[in-house]
C-alpha atoms as a PDB file:
ATOM      1  CA  MET A   1    -178.035  18.740 -37.474  1.00  0.00           C
ATOM      2  CA  PRO A   2    -179.965  17.903 -40.694  1.00  0.00           C
ATOM      3  CA  ILE A   3    -179.337  20.140 -43.658  1.00  0.00           C
ATOM      4  CA  THR A   4    -182.150  22.566 -44.500  1.00  0.00           C
ATOM      5  CA  PRO A   5    -183.723  22.711 -47.980  1.00  0.00           C
ATOM      6  CA  GLN A   6    -182.197  26.175 -48.436  1.00  0.00           C
ATOM      7  CA  GLU A   7    -178.727  24.850 -47.589  1.00  0.00           C
ATOM      8  CA  LEU A   8    -179.305  21.903 -49.898  1.00  0.00           C
ATOM      9  CA  ILE A   9    -180.012  24.178 -52.863  1.00  0.00           C
ATOM     10  CA  ALA A  10    -177.065  26.402 -51.943  1.00  0.00           C
ATOM     11  CA  ASN A  11    -174.747  23.393 -51.859  1.00  0.00           C
ATOM     12  CA  LEU A  12    -175.988  22.134 -55.214  1.00  0.00           C
ATOM     13  CA  GLY A  13    -175.730  25.450 -57.034  1.00  0.00           C
ATOM     14  CA  ASP A  14    -177.807  25.751 -60.198  1.00  0.00           C
ATOM     15  CA  LEU A  15    -180.006  22.759 -60.927  1.00  0.00           C
ATOM     16  CA  PRO A  16    -180.502  21.784 -64.569  1.00  0.00           C
ATOM     17  CA  PRO A  17    -183.638  23.411 -66.000  1.00  0.00           C
ATOM     18  CA  LEU A  18    -186.424  21.526 -67.728  1.00  0.00           C
ATOM     19  CA  PRO A  19    -185.909  21.949 -71.493  1.00  0.00           C
ATOM     20  CA  GLN A  20    -188.004  24.691 -73.073  1.00  0.00           C
ATOM     21  CA  VAL A  21    -190.063  22.366 -75.270  1.00  0.00           C
ATOM     22  CA  ALA A  22    -190.846  20.128 -72.298  1.00  0.00           C
ATOM     23  CA  SER A  23    -191.934  23.148 -70.244  1.00  0.00           C
ATOM     24  CA  GLN A  24    -194.273  24.255 -73.040  1.00  0.00           C
ATOM     25  CA  VAL A  25    -195.706  20.750 -73.413  1.00  0.00           C
ATOM     26  CA  LEU A  26    -196.470  20.606 -69.664  1.00  0.00           C
ATOM     27  CA  ARG A  27    -198.148  24.011 -69.846  1.00  0.00           C
ATOM     28  CA  ILE A  28    -200.274  23.027 -72.863  1.00  0.00           C
ATOM     29  CA  SER A  29    -201.235  19.627 -71.462  1.00  0.00           C
ATOM     30  CA  ALA A  30    -202.510  21.352 -68.307  1.00  0.00           C
ATOM     31  CA  ASP A  31    -204.631  23.810 -70.331  1.00  0.00           C
ATOM     32  CA  PRO A  32    -208.233  22.534 -70.716  1.00  0.00           C
ATOM     33  CA  ASP A  33    -208.669  24.699 -73.838  1.00  0.00           C
ATOM     34  CA  ALA A  34    -205.569  23.337 -75.611  1.00  0.00           C
ATOM     35  CA  ASN A  35    -205.878  20.932 -78.517  1.00  0.00           C
ATOM     36  CA  ALA A  36    -203.706  18.439 -80.393  1.00  0.00           C
ATOM     37  CA  GLU A  37    -202.576  21.067 -82.893  1.00  0.00           C
ATOM     38  CA  ASP A  38    -201.225  23.236 -80.064  1.00  0.00           C
ATOM     39  CA  LEU A  39    -199.132  20.309 -78.877  1.00  0.00           C
ATOM     40  CA  ARG A  40    -198.023  19.369 -82.392  1.00  0.00           C
ATOM     41  CA  LYS A  41    -196.677  22.865 -83.084  1.00  0.00           C
ATOM     42  CA  VAL A  42    -194.513  22.823 -79.953  1.00  0.00           C
ATOM     43  CA  ILE A  43    -193.248  19.235 -80.204  1.00  0.00           C
ATOM     44  CA  SER A  44    -192.460  19.500 -83.911  1.00  0.00           C
ATOM     45  CA  MET A  45    -189.830  22.158 -83.112  1.00  0.00           C
ATOM     46  CA  ASP A  46    -187.746  19.362 -81.572  1.00  0.00           C
ATOM     47  CA  GLN A  47    -186.904  16.785 -84.240  1.00  0.00           C
ATOM     48  CA  ALA A  48    -185.355  14.303 -81.798  1.00  0.00           C
ATOM     49  CA  LEU A  49    -188.402  14.454 -79.509  1.00  0.00           C
ATOM     50  CA  THR A  50    -190.768  14.018 -82.477  1.00  0.00           C
ATOM     51  CA  SER A  51    -188.858  10.916 -83.544  1.00  0.00           C
ATOM     52  CA  GLN A  52    -188.927   9.585 -79.974  1.00  0.00           C
ATOM     53  CA  ILE A  53    -192.696  10.009 -79.698  1.00  0.00           C
ATOM     54  CA  LEU A  54    -193.295   8.222 -83.000  1.00  0.00           C
ATOM     55  CA  LYS A  55    -191.072   5.324 -81.929  1.00  0.00           C
ATOM     56  CA  ILE A  56    -192.788   5.001 -78.562  1.00  0.00           C
ATOM     57  CA  SER A  57    -196.221   5.273 -80.212  1.00  0.00           C
ATOM     58  CA  ASN A  58    -195.378   2.196 -82.252  1.00  0.00           C
ATOM     59  CA  SER A  59    -193.871   0.222 -79.361  1.00  0.00           C
ATOM     60  CA  ALA A  60    -195.480  -2.858 -77.849  1.00  0.00           C
ATOM     61  CA  MET A  61    -196.253  -0.835 -74.718  1.00  0.00           C
ATOM     62  CA  PHE A  62    -199.260   0.794 -76.344  1.00  0.00           C
ATOM     63  CA  GLY A  63    -200.364  -2.114 -78.543  1.00  0.00           C
ATOM     64  CA  MET A  64    -201.590  -0.019 -81.474  1.00  0.00           C
ATOM     65  CA  MET A  65    -203.613  -1.786 -84.151  1.00  0.00           C
ATOM     66  CA  ARG A  66    -202.092   0.278 -86.944  1.00  0.00           C
ATOM     67  CA  GLU A  67    -198.790   2.017 -87.495  1.00  0.00           C
ATOM     68  CA  VAL A  68    -198.578   5.609 -86.267  1.00  0.00           C
ATOM     69  CA  ASN A  69    -196.844   7.698 -88.940  1.00  0.00           C
ATOM     70  CA  THR A  70    -197.441  11.324 -87.991  1.00  0.00           C
ATOM     71  CA  LEU A  71    -197.064  13.407 -84.861  1.00  0.00           C
ATOM     72  CA  THR A  72    -200.743  14.363 -84.975  1.00  0.00           C
ATOM     73  CA  GLN A  73    -201.707  10.676 -85.081  1.00  0.00           C
ATOM     74  CA  ALA A  74    -199.424   9.987 -82.126  1.00  0.00           C
ATOM     75  CA  ILE A  75    -200.937  12.797 -80.057  1.00  0.00           C
ATOM     76  CA  MET A  76    -204.494  11.754 -80.865  1.00  0.00           C
ATOM     77  CA  THR A  77    -203.773   8.088 -80.233  1.00  0.00           C
ATOM     78  CA  LEU A  78    -201.741   8.385 -77.038  1.00  0.00           C
ATOM     79  CA  GLY A  79    -203.500  11.357 -75.468  1.00  0.00           C
ATOM     80  CA  PHE A  80    -202.086  14.382 -73.683  1.00  0.00           C
ATOM     81  CA  SER A  81    -201.220  12.504 -70.485  1.00  0.00           C
ATOM     82  CA  THR A  82    -199.091   9.850 -72.174  1.00  0.00           C
ATOM     83  CA  ILE A  83    -197.437  12.413 -74.456  1.00  0.00           C
ATOM     84  CA  LYS A  84    -196.468  14.317 -71.300  1.00  0.00           C
ATOM     85  CA  SER A  85    -194.871  11.139 -69.912  1.00  0.00           C
ATOM     86  CA  VAL A  86    -192.836  10.587 -73.076  1.00  0.00           C
ATOM     87  CA  VAL A  87    -191.687  14.223 -73.146  1.00  0.00           C
ATOM     88  CA  ILE A  88    -190.560  14.088 -69.523  1.00  0.00           C
ATOM     89  CA  ALA A  89    -188.859  10.739 -70.182  1.00  0.00           C
ATOM     90  CA  SER A  90    -186.943  12.262 -73.074  1.00  0.00           C
ATOM     91  CA  SER A  91    -185.931  15.257 -70.939  1.00  0.00           C
ATOM     92  CA  ALA A  92    -184.929  12.995 -68.062  1.00  0.00           C
ATOM     93  CA  LYS A  93    -182.770  10.872 -70.342  1.00  0.00           C
ATOM     94  CA  ASN A  94    -180.790  13.953 -71.326  1.00  0.00           C
ATOM     95  CA  LEU A  95    -180.087  14.620 -67.662  1.00  0.00           C
ATOM     96  CA  TYR A  96    -179.331  10.983 -66.828  1.00  0.00           C
ATOM     97  CA  HIS A  97    -176.844  11.012 -69.716  1.00  0.00           C
ATOM     98  CA  ARG A  98    -175.171  14.347 -68.972  1.00  0.00           C
ATOM     99  CA  GLY A  99    -171.391  14.269 -68.803  1.00  0.00           C
ATOM    100  CA  THR A 100    -169.505  11.032 -69.409  1.00  0.00           C
ATOM    101  CA  VAL A 101    -171.863   8.116 -70.049  1.00  0.00           C
ATOM    102  CA  GLY A 102    -170.237   5.017 -68.588  1.00  0.00           C
ATOM    103  CA  LEU A 103    -171.486   1.847 -66.937  1.00  0.00           C
ATOM    104  CA  GLN A 104    -172.827   3.651 -63.872  1.00  0.00           C
ATOM    105  CA  GLU A 105    -174.838   6.150 -65.919  1.00  0.00           C
ATOM    106  CA  ARG A 106    -176.286   3.409 -68.124  1.00  0.00           C
ATOM    107  CA  LEU A 107    -177.269   1.325 -65.089  1.00  0.00           C
ATOM    108  CA  ILE A 108    -178.995   4.300 -63.427  1.00  0.00           C
ATOM    109  CA  TRP A 109    -180.920   5.149 -66.621  1.00  0.00           C
ATOM    110  CA  GLU A 110    -181.976   1.547 -67.252  1.00  0.00           C
ATOM    111  CA  HIS A 111    -183.104   1.263 -63.631  1.00  0.00           C
ATOM    112  CA  ALA A 112    -185.137   4.474 -64.015  1.00  0.00           C
ATOM    113  CA  LEU A 113    -186.849   3.276 -67.178  1.00  0.00           C
ATOM    114  CA  VAL A 114    -187.649  -0.185 -65.832  1.00  0.00           C
ATOM    115  CA  SER A 115    -188.925   1.372 -62.595  1.00  0.00           C
ATOM    116  CA  ALA A 116    -191.172   3.640 -64.680  1.00  0.00           C
ATOM    117  CA  ILE A 117    -192.638   0.703 -66.612  1.00  0.00           C
ATOM    118  CA  ALA A 118    -193.041  -1.255 -63.371  1.00  0.00           C
ATOM    119  CA  SER A 119    -194.757   1.704 -61.671  1.00  0.00           C
ATOM    120  CA  ARG A 120    -197.155   1.965 -64.586  1.00  0.00           C
ATOM    121  CA  ALA A 121    -197.913  -1.767 -64.384  1.00  0.00           C
ATOM    122  CA  PHE A 122    -198.390  -1.670 -60.599  1.00  0.00           C
ATOM    123  CA  ALA A 123    -200.741   1.313 -60.999  1.00  0.00           C
ATOM    124  CA  LYS A 124    -202.820  -0.542 -63.586  1.00  0.00           C
ATOM    125  CA  SER A 125    -203.023  -3.686 -61.470  1.00  0.00           C
ATOM    126  CA  LEU A 126    -203.955  -1.743 -58.324  1.00  0.00           C
ATOM    127  CA  ARG A 127    -206.432   0.451 -60.243  1.00  0.00           C
ATOM    128  CA  PHE A 128    -204.596   3.584 -59.277  1.00  0.00           C
ATOM    129  CA  PRO A 129    -206.270   6.198 -61.488  1.00  0.00           C
ATOM    130  CA  ARG A 130    -203.202   8.286 -62.449  1.00  0.00           C
ATOM    131  CA  ILE A 131    -201.261   5.701 -64.430  1.00  0.00           C
ATOM    132  CA  GLU A 132    -199.033   8.115 -66.325  1.00  0.00           C
ATOM    133  CA  GLU A 133    -198.191   9.939 -63.121  1.00  0.00           C
ATOM    134  CA  ALA A 134    -196.974   6.613 -61.725  1.00  0.00           C
ATOM    135  CA  PHE A 135    -194.808   6.187 -64.838  1.00  0.00           C
ATOM    136  CA  ILE A 136    -193.224   9.622 -64.306  1.00  0.00           C
ATOM    137  CA  GLY A 137    -192.717   8.944 -60.587  1.00  0.00           C
ATOM    138  CA  GLY A 138    -190.863   5.734 -61.360  1.00  0.00           C
ATOM    139  CA  LEU A 139    -188.827   7.464 -64.032  1.00  0.00           C
ATOM    140  CA  LEU A 140    -187.719  10.349 -61.812  1.00  0.00           C
ATOM    141  CA  HIS A 141    -187.336   8.643 -58.435  1.00  0.00           C
ATOM    142  CA  ASP A 142    -183.527   8.441 -58.735  1.00  0.00           C
ATOM    143  CA  ILE A 143    -182.968  11.602 -60.794  1.00  0.00           C
ATOM    144  CA  GLY A 144    -181.079  13.036 -57.820  1.00  0.00           C
ATOM    145  CA  LYS A 145    -178.330  10.479 -58.411  1.00  0.00           C
ATOM    146  CA  SER A 146    -177.675  11.937 -61.847  1.00  0.00           C
ATOM    147  CA  VAL A 147    -177.614  15.488 -60.485  1.00  0.00           C
ATOM    148  CA  MET A 148    -175.103  14.441 -57.823  1.00  0.00           C
ATOM    149  CA  GLY A 149    -173.044  12.661 -60.468  1.00  0.00           C
ATOM    150  CA  VAL A 150    -172.881  15.876 -62.500  1.00  0.00           C
ATOM    151  CA  LYS A 151    -172.166  18.122 -59.505  1.00  0.00           C
ATOM    152  CA  PHE A 152    -169.657  15.876 -57.744  1.00  0.00           C
ATOM    153  CA  PRO A 153    -168.332  13.514 -60.459  1.00  0.00           C
ATOM    154  CA  GLU A 154    -165.329  11.998 -58.691  1.00  0.00           C
ATOM    155  CA  ARG A 155    -166.738  11.662 -55.182  1.00  0.00           C
ATOM    156  CA  TYR A 156    -170.126  10.409 -56.316  1.00  0.00           C
ATOM    157  CA  SER A 157    -168.641   7.948 -58.798  1.00  0.00           C
ATOM    158  CA  ALA A 158    -166.521   6.497 -55.996  1.00  0.00           C
ATOM    159  CA  LEU A 159    -169.601   6.262 -53.776  1.00  0.00           C
ATOM    160  CA  LEU A 160    -171.557   4.398 -56.475  1.00  0.00           C
ATOM    161  CA  ARG A 161    -168.676   1.967 -56.954  1.00  0.00           C
ATOM    162  CA  THR A 162    -168.914   1.152 -53.261  1.00  0.00           C
ATOM    163  CA  VAL A 163    -172.671   0.570 -53.570  1.00  0.00           C
ATOM    164  CA  TYR A 164    -172.194  -1.460 -56.784  1.00  0.00           C
ATOM    165  CA  ASN A 165    -169.787  -3.758 -54.905  1.00  0.00           C
ATOM    166  CA  GLU A 166    -172.471  -4.177 -52.212  1.00  0.00           C
ATOM    167  CA  MET A 167    -170.354  -2.508 -49.541  1.00  0.00           C
ATOM    168  CA  GLY A 168    -172.900   0.041 -48.356  1.00  0.00           C
ATOM    169  CA  ASN A 169    -176.340   1.621 -48.538  1.00  0.00           C
ATOM    170  CA  SER A 170    -176.511   4.514 -51.021  1.00  0.00           C
ATOM    171  CA  LEU A 171    -178.723   6.761 -48.873  1.00  0.00           C
ATOM    172  CA  GLN A 172    -176.553   6.426 -45.783  1.00  0.00           C
ATOM    173  CA  LEU A 173    -173.318   6.851 -47.735  1.00  0.00           C
ATOM    174  CA  GLU A 174    -174.727   9.962 -49.423  1.00  0.00           C
ATOM    175  CA  LEU A 175    -175.766  11.475 -46.092  1.00  0.00           C
ATOM    176  CA  ASP A 176    -172.386  10.690 -44.561  1.00  0.00           C
ATOM    177  CA  THR A 177    -170.469  12.096 -47.545  1.00  0.00           C
ATOM    178  CA  PHE A 178    -172.539  15.120 -48.593  1.00  0.00           C
ATOM    179  CA  GLY A 179    -175.004  15.841 -45.795  1.00  0.00           C
ATOM    180  CA  PHE A 180    -177.954  15.109 -48.115  1.00  0.00           C
ATOM    181  CA  ASP A 181    -179.108  12.162 -50.225  1.00  0.00           C
ATOM    182  CA  HIS A 182    -180.322  11.631 -53.782  1.00  0.00           C
ATOM    183  CA  ALA A 183    -183.983  11.644 -52.729  1.00  0.00           C
ATOM    184  CA  MET A 184    -183.614  15.153 -51.292  1.00  0.00           C
ATOM    185  CA  VAL A 185    -181.757  16.318 -54.397  1.00  0.00           C
ATOM    186  CA  GLY A 186    -184.372  14.770 -56.678  1.00  0.00           C
ATOM    187  CA  GLU A 187    -187.172  16.511 -54.791  1.00  0.00           C
ATOM    188  CA  ALA A 188    -185.373  19.847 -55.190  1.00  0.00           C
ATOM    189  CA  LEU A 189    -185.090  19.317 -58.946  1.00  0.00           C
ATOM    190  CA  VAL A 190    -188.676  18.127 -59.460  1.00  0.00           C
ATOM    191  CA  SER A 191    -189.896  21.080 -57.389  1.00  0.00           C
ATOM    192  CA  GLN A 192    -187.882  23.484 -59.555  1.00  0.00           C
ATOM    193  CA  TRP A 193    -189.433  21.872 -62.623  1.00  0.00           C
ATOM    194  CA  ASN A 194    -192.877  22.687 -61.138  1.00  0.00           C
ATOM    195  CA  LEU A 195    -194.051  19.103 -61.367  1.00  0.00           C
ATOM    196  CA  ALA A 196    -196.987  17.971 -59.224  1.00  0.00           C
ATOM    197  CA  PRO A 197    -196.597  17.840 -55.414  1.00  0.00           C
ATOM    198  CA  SER A 198    -197.456  14.140 -55.595  1.00  0.00           C
ATOM    199  CA  LEU A 199    -194.385  13.558 -57.792  1.00  0.00           C
ATOM    200  CA  GLN A 200    -192.231  15.625 -55.460  1.00  0.00           C
ATOM    201  CA  ALA A 201    -193.403  13.412 -52.579  1.00  0.00           C
ATOM    202  CA  ALA A 202    -192.772  10.176 -54.487  1.00  0.00           C
ATOM    203  CA  VAL A 203    -189.244  11.249 -55.393  1.00  0.00           C
ATOM    204  CA  ARG A 204    -188.486  12.417 -51.831  1.00  0.00           C
ATOM    205  CA  TRP A 205    -189.966   9.473 -49.941  1.00  0.00           C
ATOM    206  CA  HIS A 206    -189.630   6.385 -52.183  1.00  0.00           C
ATOM    207  CA  HIS A 207    -187.310   4.859 -49.549  1.00  0.00           C
ATOM    208  CA  ASP A 208    -189.696   5.722 -46.697  1.00  0.00           C
ATOM    209  CA  PRO A 209    -193.236   5.998 -48.135  1.00  0.00           C
ATOM    210  CA  LEU A 210    -195.046   6.363 -44.806  1.00  0.00           C
ATOM    211  CA  GLN A 211    -193.256   9.700 -44.360  1.00  0.00           C
ATOM    212  CA  ALA A 212    -194.922  11.138 -47.490  1.00  0.00           C
ATOM    213  CA  PRO A 213    -198.006  13.343 -47.002  1.00  0.00           C
ATOM    214  CA  GLU A 214    -200.991  11.017 -46.641  1.00  0.00           C
ATOM    215  CA  THR A 215    -202.630  12.291 -49.846  1.00  0.00           C
ATOM    216  CA  HIS A 216    -199.556  11.091 -51.755  1.00  0.00           C
ATOM    217  CA  HIS A 217    -199.125   7.763 -49.945  1.00  0.00           C
ATOM    218  CA  GLU A 218    -200.395   5.549 -52.762  1.00  0.00           C
ATOM    219  CA  LEU A 219    -198.218   6.981 -55.515  1.00  0.00           C
ATOM    220  CA  THR A 220    -195.143   6.914 -53.276  1.00  0.00           C
ATOM    221  CA  ALA A 221    -195.877   3.301 -52.311  1.00  0.00           C
ATOM    222  CA  ILE A 222    -196.216   2.258 -55.963  1.00  0.00           C
ATOM    223  CA  VAL A 223    -192.885   3.861 -56.843  1.00  0.00           C
ATOM    224  CA  ALA A 224    -191.259   2.179 -53.822  1.00  0.00           C
ATOM    225  CA  LEU A 225    -192.474  -1.251 -54.968  1.00  0.00           C
ATOM    226  CA  ALA A 226    -191.310  -0.615 -58.532  1.00  0.00           C
ATOM    227  CA  ASN A 227    -187.884   0.512 -57.316  1.00  0.00           C
ATOM    228  CA  HIS A 228    -187.522  -2.681 -55.258  1.00  0.00           C
ATOM    229  CA  LEU A 229    -188.680  -4.934 -58.086  1.00  0.00           C
ATOM    230  CA  ALA A 230    -186.184  -3.399 -60.525  1.00  0.00           C
ATOM    231  CA  LEU A 231    -183.290  -4.054 -58.139  1.00  0.00           C
ATOM    232  CA  GLU A 232    -184.562  -7.568 -57.461  1.00  0.00           C
ATOM    233  CA  ALA A 233    -184.231  -8.092 -61.211  1.00  0.00           C
ATOM    234  CA  LYS A 234    -180.607  -6.843 -60.916  1.00  0.00           C
ATOM    235  CA  ILE A 235    -181.398  -3.713 -62.924  1.00  0.00           C
ATOM    236  CA  GLY A 236    -179.610  -0.806 -61.316  1.00  0.00           C
ATOM    237  CA  ILE A 237    -177.022  -0.244 -58.604  1.00  0.00           C
ATOM    238  CA  GLY A 238    -177.653  -1.471 -55.074  1.00  0.00           C
ATOM    239  CA  ASP A 239    -178.743  -4.352 -52.880  1.00  0.00           C
ATOM    240  CA  PRO A 240    -182.519  -4.997 -52.997  1.00  0.00           C
ATOM    241  CA  CYS A 241    -182.361  -6.105 -49.356  1.00  0.00           C
ATOM    242  CA  ASN A 242    -181.913  -2.430 -48.425  1.00  0.00           C
ATOM    243  CA  LEU A 243    -185.365  -1.712 -49.895  1.00  0.00           C
ATOM    244  CA  GLU A 244    -187.319  -4.365 -48.017  1.00  0.00           C
ATOM    245  CA  GLY A 245    -188.368  -1.872 -45.353  1.00  0.00           C
ATOM    246  CA  ALA A 246    -189.742   0.500 -47.996  1.00  0.00           C
ATOM    247  CA  SER A 247    -191.675  -2.361 -49.596  1.00  0.00           C
ATOM    248  CA  MET A 248    -193.154  -3.364 -46.235  1.00  0.00           C
ATOM    249  CA  GLN A 249    -194.362   0.212 -45.754  1.00  0.00           C
ATOM    250  CA  ALA A 250    -195.785   0.204 -49.286  1.00  0.00           C
ATOM    251  CA  MET A 251    -197.665  -3.024 -48.605  1.00  0.00           C
ATOM    252  CA  GLU A 252    -199.145  -1.458 -45.470  1.00  0.00           C
ATOM    253  CA  ILE A 253    -200.265   1.629 -47.397  1.00  0.00           C
ATOM    254  CA  LEU A 254    -201.743  -0.369 -50.265  1.00  0.00           C
ATOM    255  CA  LYS A 255    -203.193  -3.044 -47.947  1.00  0.00           C
ATOM    256  CA  LEU A 256    -201.404  -5.841 -49.782  1.00  0.00           C
ATOM    257  CA  SER A 257    -200.650  -9.255 -48.324  1.00  0.00           C
ATOM    258  CA  PRO A 258    -197.367 -10.951 -49.288  1.00  0.00           C
ATOM    259  CA  GLU A 259    -199.358 -13.418 -51.400  1.00  0.00           C
ATOM    260  CA  ALA A 260    -201.226 -10.659 -53.229  1.00  0.00           C
ATOM    261  CA  LEU A 261    -197.999  -8.778 -53.896  1.00  0.00           C
ATOM    262  CA  THR A 262    -196.348 -11.916 -55.306  1.00  0.00           C
ATOM    263  CA  GLY A 263    -199.197 -12.336 -57.787  1.00  0.00           C
ATOM    264  CA  ILE A 264    -199.087  -8.681 -58.828  1.00  0.00           C
ATOM    265  CA  LYS A 265    -195.301  -8.824 -59.261  1.00  0.00           C
ATOM    266  CA  ASP A 266    -195.662 -11.681 -61.741  1.00  0.00           C
ATOM    267  CA  GLY A 267    -197.881  -9.463 -63.879  1.00  0.00           C
ATOM    268  CA  VAL A 268    -195.508  -6.504 -63.552  1.00  0.00           C
ATOM    269  CA  ARG A 269    -192.533  -8.608 -64.645  1.00  0.00           C
ATOM    270  CA  ALA A 270    -194.539  -9.741 -67.665  1.00  0.00           C
ATOM    271  CA  ALA A 271    -195.288  -6.085 -68.518  1.00  0.00           C
ATOM    272  CA  ILE A 272    -191.582  -5.244 -68.340  1.00  0.00           C
ATOM    273  CA  GLU A 273    -190.826  -8.144 -70.673  1.00  0.00           C
ATOM    274  CA  GLU A 274    -193.463  -6.925 -73.136  1.00  0.00           C
ATOM    275  CA  ASP A 275    -192.103  -3.372 -72.998  1.00  0.00           C
ATOM    276  CA  LYS A 276    -188.539  -4.306 -73.937  1.00  0.00           C
ATOM    277  CA  THR A 277    -189.179  -2.528 -77.227  1.00  0.00           C
ATOM    278  CA  MET A 278    -189.711   0.738 -75.391  1.00  0.00           C
ATOM    279  CA  ILE A 279    -186.556   0.231 -73.324  1.00  0.00           C
ATOM    280  CA  ALA A 280    -184.585  -0.347 -76.525  1.00  0.00           C
ATOM    281  CA  GLU A 281    -186.062   2.765 -78.178  1.00  0.00           C
ATOM    282  CA  PHE A 282    -184.878   4.952 -75.311  1.00  0.00           C
END
């Protein structure tokens, strides 16, 4: 019998909270009456996050015409939505890097970041209006793997070694071993963080996008394509062949022919190449 969400949370114990500064940034960015100074005051309390935002502001990803030297400049130049993406990325990195940071952890984080950049590029190409939401969806789609790595370090590390050696499918191995998979765990975490229902759906259903609520089909499909592309580029842990079904579903949702998808992928790969600066900064 499938595990219930309540049993899932009970088995996981306490999930890591969203850092306080990140929570405040999300609250401010959702407030129509908030301004750049409100954001600056909160972000400036975290020196590492301030430095991260300045670095990202000056990365090739945003193609600024002049150097961004102050936090206020960065907020005004990037906008609330992009600042929110960077803050969540910084928070996610801390979770991806919790505990011992070895090869597996680095591969999962690099896969997350490349998937985020790919999701953003797919969204732009497909004229999906919520580009930064696509970035966050790509970034968080495998966050459940990191939670499972923290909660069950020995068993999950052994499972990932099996997947790394192409001897199994991660979702099926997770279900067989724990009774739940990383997509379910990721959804539980993103829900606890009070992120948008669309992001919860993308995290939960990126391996099976047609199962997502119809209103969240497009975002989930974009994240599924980005996930597949990252593994095709050998960035991450797993066999891309296991994601072909998810990509077929995504193509159906987005009404993409194989030829159209091939052309879009070329542009996405070029975007990833251009954004190597951002990958290095994180």
